[in-house]
Amino acid sequence: MEIDVQPAQSSQPCPRVRQAVQQKSSVADQCETARYIATMAVELRGLAGRAGHDMLAHLLDMVVEEAEDLRRQEERPDQAAG
């Protein structure tokens, strides 16, 4: 069974996220991007869990954890090396 997972035509990234990707972003923008990714992954994790897609939910949980770790490191760059 093949699943078509192309994004909807209207699902364009918001201008701030697109701009951060296109140019070197500040720490504040990087933190905002990590926070946005974590927020979206939490929503997707809930959808996956309710649909019984346990592996997808698990992978999305790892995305949330990684995004939160990145956000914390970017908020405290002096502690990022540790």
N, C-alpha and C. Protein backbone atom coordinates (compact mmCIF):
# COMPACT_ATOMS: atom_id res chain seq x y z
N MET A 1 0.84 -1.18 0.00
CA MET A 1 0.00 0.00 0.00
C MET A 1 0.89 1.24 0.00
N GLU A 2 0.70 2.09 -0.97
CA GLU A 2 1.49 3.30 -1.09
C GLU A 2 0.69 4.49 -0.58
N ILE A 3 1.32 5.31 0.23
CA ILE A 3 0.66 6.48 0.81
C ILE A 3 1.26 7.73 0.21
N ASP A 4 0.41 8.60 -0.30
CA ASP A 4 0.86 9.88 -0.85
C ASP A 4 0.87 10.89 0.28
N VAL A 5 2.06 11.39 0.64
CA VAL A 5 2.19 12.32 1.77
C VAL A 5 2.64 13.70 1.33
N GLN A 6 2.23 14.11 0.15
CA GLN A 6 2.59 15.44 -0.31
C GLN A 6 1.84 16.48 0.50
N PRO A 7 2.50 17.59 0.85
CA PRO A 7 1.83 18.62 1.63
C PRO A 7 0.72 19.29 0.83
N ALA A 8 -0.28 19.77 1.51
CA ALA A 8 -1.36 20.50 0.86
C ALA A 8 -0.82 21.77 0.23
N GLN A 9 -1.46 22.23 -0.82
CA GLN A 9 -1.01 23.43 -1.51
C GLN A 9 -0.96 24.63 -0.58
N SER A 10 -1.88 24.72 0.36
CA SER A 10 -1.95 25.89 1.24
C SER A 10 -1.00 25.81 2.43
N SER A 11 -0.28 24.71 2.58
CA SER A 11 0.58 24.57 3.75
C SER A 11 1.97 25.12 3.49
N GLN A 12 2.05 26.40 3.27
CA GLN A 12 3.32 27.09 3.08
C GLN A 12 3.85 27.52 4.44
N PRO A 13 5.17 27.46 4.65
CA PRO A 13 5.70 27.91 5.93
C PRO A 13 5.44 29.41 6.12
N CYS A 14 5.28 29.80 7.36
CA CYS A 14 5.05 31.21 7.61
C CYS A 14 6.28 32.01 7.19
N PRO A 15 6.10 33.27 6.84
CA PRO A 15 7.22 34.08 6.33
C PRO A 15 8.43 34.11 7.24
N ARG A 16 8.23 34.15 8.55
CA ARG A 16 9.38 34.21 9.47
C ARG A 16 10.20 32.93 9.42
N VAL A 17 9.52 31.78 9.34
CA VAL A 17 10.25 30.51 9.26
C VAL A 17 10.99 30.42 7.93
N ARG A 18 10.32 30.79 6.84
CA ARG A 18 10.95 30.76 5.52
C ARG A 18 12.18 31.67 5.49
N GLN A 19 12.06 32.86 6.08
CA GLN A 19 13.17 33.81 6.11
C GLN A 19 14.34 33.25 6.94
N ALA A 20 14.04 32.61 8.06
CA ALA A 20 15.10 32.05 8.90
C ALA A 20 15.85 30.96 8.17
N VAL A 21 15.14 30.20 7.34
CA VAL A 21 15.79 29.13 6.58
C VAL A 21 16.67 29.73 5.49
N GLN A 22 16.21 30.80 4.85
CA GLN A 22 16.92 31.38 3.72
C GLN A 22 18.16 32.17 4.12
N GLN A 23 18.22 32.67 5.32
CA GLN A 23 19.37 33.45 5.73
C GLN A 23 19.84 33.01 7.10
N LYS A 24 21.02 33.40 7.45
CA LYS A 24 21.56 33.08 8.76
C LYS A 24 20.66 33.74 9.81
N SER A 25 20.15 32.95 10.71
CA SER A 25 19.21 33.51 11.67
C SER A 25 19.88 33.78 13.01
N SER A 26 19.28 34.68 13.75
CA SER A 26 19.79 35.01 15.08
C SER A 26 19.43 33.90 16.05
N VAL A 27 20.01 33.94 17.23
CA VAL A 27 19.70 32.96 18.26
C VAL A 27 18.22 33.01 18.61
N ALA A 28 17.64 34.20 18.66
CA ALA A 28 16.22 34.32 18.97
C ALA A 28 15.38 33.63 17.91
N ASP A 29 15.72 33.82 16.64
CA ASP A 29 14.98 33.15 15.56
C ASP A 29 15.17 31.64 15.63
N GLN A 30 16.37 31.19 15.95
CA GLN A 30 16.63 29.76 16.05
C GLN A 30 15.80 29.15 17.18
N CYS A 31 15.71 29.87 18.30
CA CYS A 31 14.89 29.40 19.42
C CYS A 31 13.42 29.34 19.03
N GLU A 32 12.97 30.37 18.34
CA GLU A 32 11.57 30.41 17.89
C GLU A 32 11.29 29.26 16.93
N THR A 33 12.21 28.98 16.03
CA THR A 33 12.03 27.88 15.08
C THR A 33 11.98 26.55 15.80
N ALA A 34 12.88 26.33 16.75
CA ALA A 34 12.87 25.08 17.53
C ALA A 34 11.57 24.94 18.31
N ARG A 35 11.09 26.04 18.88
CA ARG A 35 9.84 26.01 19.61
C ARG A 35 8.67 25.67 18.68
N TYR A 36 8.66 26.26 17.49
CA TYR A 36 7.61 26.00 16.50
C TYR A 36 7.61 24.53 16.08
N ILE A 37 8.79 23.99 15.81
CA ILE A 37 8.90 22.58 15.43
C ILE A 37 8.39 21.68 16.55
N ALA A 38 8.75 21.98 17.79
CA ALA A 38 8.29 21.19 18.93
C ALA A 38 6.77 21.26 19.04
N THR A 39 6.20 22.45 18.87
CA THR A 39 4.75 22.61 18.96
C THR A 39 4.03 21.78 17.90
N MET A 40 4.52 21.85 16.67
CA MET A 40 3.89 21.09 15.58
C MET A 40 4.05 19.59 15.81
N ALA A 41 5.22 19.17 16.29
CA ALA A 41 5.46 17.75 16.54
C ALA A 41 4.56 17.23 17.65
N VAL A 42 4.28 18.04 18.67
CA VAL A 42 3.37 17.64 19.74
C VAL A 42 1.98 17.38 19.16
N GLU A 43 1.53 18.28 18.30
CA GLU A 43 0.21 18.09 17.69
C GLU A 43 0.18 16.83 16.82
N LEU A 44 1.21 16.64 16.03
CA LEU A 44 1.27 15.45 15.18
C LEU A 44 1.38 14.17 16.01
N ARG A 45 2.13 14.24 17.10
CA ARG A 45 2.26 13.08 17.99
C ARG A 45 0.89 12.67 18.53
N GLY A 46 0.08 13.67 18.90
CA GLY A 46 -1.26 13.37 19.38
C GLY A 46 -2.12 12.71 18.32
N LEU A 47 -2.04 13.23 17.10
CA LEU A 47 -2.79 12.62 15.99
C LEU A 47 -2.36 11.18 15.76
N ALA A 48 -1.05 10.96 15.74
CA ALA A 48 -0.52 9.62 15.51
C ALA A 48 -0.95 8.66 16.62
N GLY A 49 -0.89 9.13 17.86
CA GLY A 49 -1.29 8.29 18.99
C GLY A 49 -2.75 7.92 18.93
N ARG A 50 -3.61 8.90 18.64
CA ARG A 50 -5.04 8.62 18.56
C ARG A 50 -5.39 7.68 17.42
N ALA A 51 -4.58 7.69 16.37
CA ALA A 51 -4.82 6.82 15.22
C ALA A 51 -4.19 5.44 15.42
N GLY A 52 -3.48 5.25 16.53
CA GLY A 52 -2.86 3.96 16.81
C GLY A 52 -1.54 3.75 16.10
N HIS A 53 -0.93 4.80 15.62
CA HIS A 53 0.37 4.70 14.95
C HIS A 53 1.48 4.92 15.98
N ASP A 54 1.72 3.88 16.74
CA ASP A 54 2.63 3.98 17.88
C ASP A 54 4.06 4.35 17.48
N MET A 55 4.57 3.79 16.39
CA MET A 55 5.94 4.10 15.98
C MET A 55 6.04 5.56 15.55
N LEU A 56 5.07 6.06 14.79
CA LEU A 56 5.08 7.48 14.41
C LEU A 56 5.02 8.36 15.64
N ALA A 57 4.17 8.00 16.60
CA ALA A 57 4.06 8.79 17.82
C ALA A 57 5.40 8.81 18.56
N HIS A 58 6.06 7.66 18.60
CA HIS A 58 7.36 7.57 19.27
C HIS A 58 8.40 8.45 18.56
N LEU A 59 8.45 8.38 17.24
CA LEU A 59 9.41 9.19 16.48
C LEU A 59 9.13 10.67 16.66
N LEU A 60 7.87 11.05 16.66
CA LEU A 60 7.53 12.45 16.87
C LEU A 60 7.88 12.90 18.29
N ASP A 61 7.78 11.99 19.25
CA ASP A 61 8.20 12.31 20.61
C ASP A 61 9.69 12.61 20.64
N MET A 62 10.46 11.86 19.86
CA MET A 62 11.90 12.14 19.78
C MET A 62 12.16 13.49 19.13
N VAL A 63 11.34 13.87 18.14
CA VAL A 63 11.46 15.19 17.51
C VAL A 63 11.22 16.28 18.55
N VAL A 64 10.19 16.10 19.37
CA VAL A 64 9.89 17.08 20.42
C VAL A 64 11.07 17.22 21.37
N GLU A 65 11.60 16.11 21.81
CA GLU A 65 12.73 16.15 22.74
C GLU A 65 13.95 16.84 22.13
N GLU A 66 14.26 16.52 20.87
CA GLU A 66 15.41 17.12 20.22
C GLU A 66 15.21 18.63 20.03
N ALA A 67 14.02 19.04 19.60
CA ALA A 67 13.75 20.46 19.41
C ALA A 67 13.85 21.21 20.73
N GLU A 68 13.34 20.62 21.80
CA GLU A 68 13.43 21.26 23.12
C GLU A 68 14.88 21.34 23.58
N ASP A 69 15.67 20.30 23.33
CA ASP A 69 17.10 20.34 23.68
C ASP A 69 17.82 21.45 22.90
N LEU A 70 17.54 21.56 21.61
CA LEU A 70 18.15 22.62 20.80
C LEU A 70 17.75 23.99 21.32
N ARG A 71 16.48 24.15 21.63
CA ARG A 71 16.00 25.44 22.14
C ARG A 71 16.71 25.81 23.42
N ARG A 72 16.84 24.85 24.33
CA ARG A 72 17.52 25.12 25.60
C ARG A 72 18.99 25.48 25.37
N GLN A 73 19.66 24.78 24.45
CA GLN A 73 21.07 25.07 24.16
C GLN A 73 21.21 26.46 23.55
N GLU A 74 20.30 26.84 22.67
CA GLU A 74 20.38 28.13 22.02
C GLU A 74 20.06 29.27 22.99
N GLU A 75 19.23 29.00 23.99
CA GLU A 75 18.93 30.02 24.99
C GLU A 75 20.09 30.21 25.94
N ARG A 76 20.92 29.17 26.12
CA ARG A 76 22.08 29.24 27.00
C ARG A 76 23.32 28.77 26.24
N PRO A 77 23.81 29.59 25.29
CA PRO A 77 24.95 29.16 24.47
C PRO A 77 26.22 28.85 25.26
N ASP A 78 26.38 29.47 26.43
CA ASP A 78 27.58 29.21 27.24
C ASP A 78 27.59 27.81 27.82
N GLN A 79 26.41 27.15 27.89
CA GLN A 79 26.32 25.80 28.44
C GLN A 79 26.15 24.75 27.34
N ALA A 80 26.08 25.16 26.07
CA ALA A 80 25.80 24.25 24.96
C ALA A 80 26.91 23.22 24.76
N ALA A 81 28.14 23.58 25.08
CA ALA A 81 29.27 22.68 24.85
C ALA A 81 29.30 21.53 25.86
N GLY A 82 28.61 21.67 26.99
CA GLY A 82 28.68 20.70 28.04
C GLY A 82 27.79 19.58 27.89
